[in-house]
């Protein structure tokens, strides 16, 4: 079964939807909870560049989802590494197992 988004010719399967969901989870987590490369996300959160939007994962997720959908539309393979990381984040949260 496929899900048709918009009326364009691109077709998304349920696997694509799951991959994008995990990718959104991971990317929203990265923006709201981690320092990021060169402390970029940490600076955004402390300086309130986006009006505090980056401090709440629920506030950040819709914007990350829109960007993820655009990225997946043009380069589908780009989303998969983030989807795998999002799945790992879910498993870590579910099991409580931390590395290190």
C-alpha atoms as a PDB file:
ATOM      1  CA  UNK A   1       0.000   0.000   0.000  1.00  0.00           C
ATOM      2  CA  UNK A   2       1.307   3.429  -0.854  1.00  0.00           C
ATOM      3  CA  UNK A   3       0.515   6.858   0.472  1.00  0.00           C
ATOM      4  CA  UNK A   4       0.150   9.645  -2.068  1.00  0.00           C
ATOM      5  CA  UNK A   5       1.308  12.998  -0.776  1.00  0.00           C
ATOM      6  CA  UNK A   6       0.223  15.985  -2.834  1.00  0.00           C
ATOM      7  CA  UNK A   7      -0.760  15.254  -6.419  1.00  0.00           C
ATOM      8  CA  UNK A   8       2.700  14.921  -7.884  1.00  0.00           C
ATOM      9  CA  UNK A   9       4.152  11.726  -9.279  1.00  0.00           C
ATOM     10  CA  UNK A  10       6.251  10.808  -6.229  1.00  0.00           C
ATOM     11  CA  UNK A  11       4.835   7.913  -4.186  1.00  0.00           C
ATOM     12  CA  UNK A  12       5.692   7.243  -0.539  1.00  0.00           C
ATOM     13  CA  UNK A  13       5.414   3.820   1.035  1.00  0.00           C
ATOM     14  CA  UNK A  14       4.825   3.116   4.712  1.00  0.00           C
ATOM     15  CA  UNK A  15       8.534   2.360   5.036  1.00  0.00           C
ATOM     16  CA  UNK A  16       9.325   5.834   3.707  1.00  0.00           C
ATOM     17  CA  UNK A  17       6.931   7.361   6.212  1.00  0.00           C
ATOM     18  CA  UNK A  18       8.519   5.395   9.071  1.00  0.00           C
ATOM     19  CA  UNK A  19      12.005   6.425   7.922  1.00  0.00           C
ATOM     20  CA  UNK A  20      11.030  10.084   7.808  1.00  0.00           C
ATOM     21  CA  UNK A  21       9.422   9.817  11.247  1.00  0.00           C
ATOM     22  CA  UNK A  22      12.570   8.383  12.809  1.00  0.00           C
ATOM     23  CA  UNK A  23      14.695  10.966  10.987  1.00  0.00           C
ATOM     24  CA  UNK A  24      12.515  13.809  12.314  1.00  0.00           C
ATOM     25  CA  UNK A  25      12.785  12.421  15.833  1.00  0.00           C
ATOM     26  CA  UNK A  26      16.561  12.263  15.637  1.00  0.00           C
ATOM     27  CA  UNK A  27      17.067  15.651  13.981  1.00  0.00           C
ATOM     28  CA  UNK A  28      14.699  17.400  16.398  1.00  0.00           C
ATOM     29  CA  UNK A  29      16.583  15.741  19.282  1.00  0.00           C
ATOM     30  CA  UNK A  30      19.907  16.916  17.860  1.00  0.00           C
ATOM     31  CA  UNK A  31      18.709  20.522  17.537  1.00  0.00           C
ATOM     32  CA  UNK A  32      17.082  20.693  20.973  1.00  0.00           C
ATOM     33  CA  UNK A  33      19.384  18.588  23.146  1.00  0.00           C
ATOM     34  CA  UNK A  34      22.894  18.296  21.693  1.00  0.00           C
ATOM     35  CA  UNK A  35      25.632  20.873  21.205  1.00  0.00           C
ATOM     36  CA  UNK A  36      26.038  20.078  17.510  1.00  0.00           C
ATOM     37  CA  UNK A  37      29.047  20.728  15.331  1.00  0.00           C
ATOM     38  CA  UNK A  38      31.252  23.472  16.776  1.00  0.00           C
ATOM     39  CA  UNK A  39      28.576  24.081  19.433  1.00  0.00           C
ATOM     40  CA  UNK A  40      26.220  25.581  16.826  1.00  0.00           C
ATOM     41  CA  UNK A  41      22.951  24.265  18.268  1.00  0.00           C
ATOM     42  CA  UNK A  42      24.022  25.099  21.800  1.00  0.00           C
ATOM     43  CA  UNK A  43      24.719  28.705  20.747  1.00  0.00           C
ATOM     44  CA  UNK A  44      21.313  28.903  19.033  1.00  0.00           C
ATOM     45  CA  UNK A  45      19.605  27.733  22.200  1.00  0.00           C
ATOM     46  CA  UNK A  46      21.506  30.066  24.539  1.00  0.00           C
ATOM     47  CA  UNK A  47      21.267  33.168  22.318  1.00  0.00           C
ATOM     48  CA  UNK A  48      17.562  32.640  21.497  1.00  0.00           C
ATOM     49  CA  UNK A  49      18.280  33.257  17.792  1.00  0.00           C
ATOM     50  CA  UNK A  50      14.985  31.648  16.815  1.00  0.00           C
ATOM     51  CA  UNK A  51      12.969  32.955  19.747  1.00  0.00           C
ATOM     52  CA  UNK A  52      13.348  29.870  21.922  1.00  0.00           C
ATOM     53  CA  UNK A  53      12.030  27.573  19.187  1.00  0.00           C
ATOM     54  CA  UNK A  54      15.052  25.322  19.486  1.00  0.00           C
ATOM     55  CA  UNK A  55      14.584  24.620  23.186  1.00  0.00           C
ATOM     56  CA  UNK A  56      11.436  22.480  22.832  1.00  0.00           C
ATOM     57  CA  UNK A  57      11.471  19.241  20.817  1.00  0.00           C
ATOM     58  CA  UNK A  58       7.697  19.462  20.217  1.00  0.00           C
ATOM     59  CA  UNK A  59       8.029  23.017  18.865  1.00  0.00           C
ATOM     60  CA  UNK A  60      10.978  22.147  16.655  1.00  0.00           C
ATOM     61  CA  UNK A  61       9.608  18.890  15.201  1.00  0.00           C
ATOM     62  CA  UNK A  62       7.062  20.364  12.715  1.00  0.00           C
ATOM     63  CA  UNK A  63       9.722  22.548  11.115  1.00  0.00           C
ATOM     64  CA  UNK A  64      12.200  19.700  11.031  1.00  0.00           C
ATOM     65  CA  UNK A  65       9.479  17.508   9.492  1.00  0.00           C
ATOM     66  CA  UNK A  66       8.866  20.029   6.715  1.00  0.00           C
ATOM     67  CA  UNK A  67      12.584  20.230   5.960  1.00  0.00           C
ATOM     68  CA  UNK A  68      12.912  16.445   6.097  1.00  0.00           C
ATOM     69  CA  UNK A  69      10.041  16.013   3.650  1.00  0.00           C
ATOM     70  CA  UNK A  70      11.666  18.482   1.252  1.00  0.00           C
ATOM     71  CA  UNK A  71      15.012  16.714   1.574  1.00  0.00           C
ATOM     72  CA  UNK A  72      13.398  13.312   1.057  1.00  0.00           C
ATOM     73  CA  UNK A  73      11.537  14.595  -1.982  1.00  0.00           C
ATOM     74  CA  UNK A  74      14.767  15.534  -3.781  1.00  0.00           C
ATOM     75  CA  UNK A  75      17.345  13.167  -2.259  1.00  0.00           C
ATOM     76  CA  UNK A  76      15.635  10.127  -0.664  1.00  0.00           C
ATOM     77  CA  UNK A  77      18.886   8.471   0.371  1.00  0.00           C
ATOM     78  CA  UNK A  78      19.863  11.436   2.539  1.00  0.00           C
ATOM     79  CA  UNK A  79      17.183  10.657   5.130  1.00  0.00           C
ATOM     80  CA  UNK A  80      18.142   7.025   5.819  1.00  0.00           C
ATOM     81  CA  UNK A  81      21.209   7.619   8.052  1.00  0.00           C
ATOM     82  CA  UNK A  82      19.116   9.944  10.231  1.00  0.00           C
ATOM     83  CA  UNK A  83      16.297   7.388  10.262  1.00  0.00           C
ATOM     84  CA  UNK A  84      18.654   4.709  11.567  1.00  0.00           C
ATOM     85  CA  UNK A  85      19.945   7.115  14.214  1.00  0.00           C
ATOM     86  CA  UNK A  86      16.350   7.929  15.192  1.00  0.00           C
ATOM     87  CA  UNK A  87      15.547   4.243  15.549  1.00  0.00           C
ATOM     88  CA  UNK A  88      18.627   3.828  17.737  1.00  0.00           C
ATOM     89  CA  UNK A  89      17.443   6.780  19.840  1.00  0.00           C
ATOM     90  CA  UNK A  90      14.047   5.102  20.277  1.00  0.00           C
ATOM     91  CA  UNK A  91      15.678   1.829  21.290  1.00  0.00           C
ATOM     92  CA  UNK A  92      17.959   3.611  23.755  1.00  0.00           C
ATOM     93  CA  UNK A  93      14.999   5.406  25.301  1.00  0.00           C
ATOM     94  CA  UNK A  94      12.898   2.233  25.443  1.00  0.00           C
ATOM     95  CA  UNK A  95      15.578  -0.014  26.923  1.00  0.00           C
ATOM     96  CA  UNK A  96      17.395   2.584  29.058  1.00  0.00           C
ATOM     97  CA  UNK A  97      20.766   1.256  27.894  1.00  0.00           C
ATOM     98  CA  UNK A  98      23.424   3.962  27.619  1.00  0.00           C
ATOM     99  CA  UNK A  99      26.816   3.566  25.970  1.00  0.00           C
ATOM    100  CA  UNK A 100      30.124   4.309  27.613  1.00  0.00           C
END
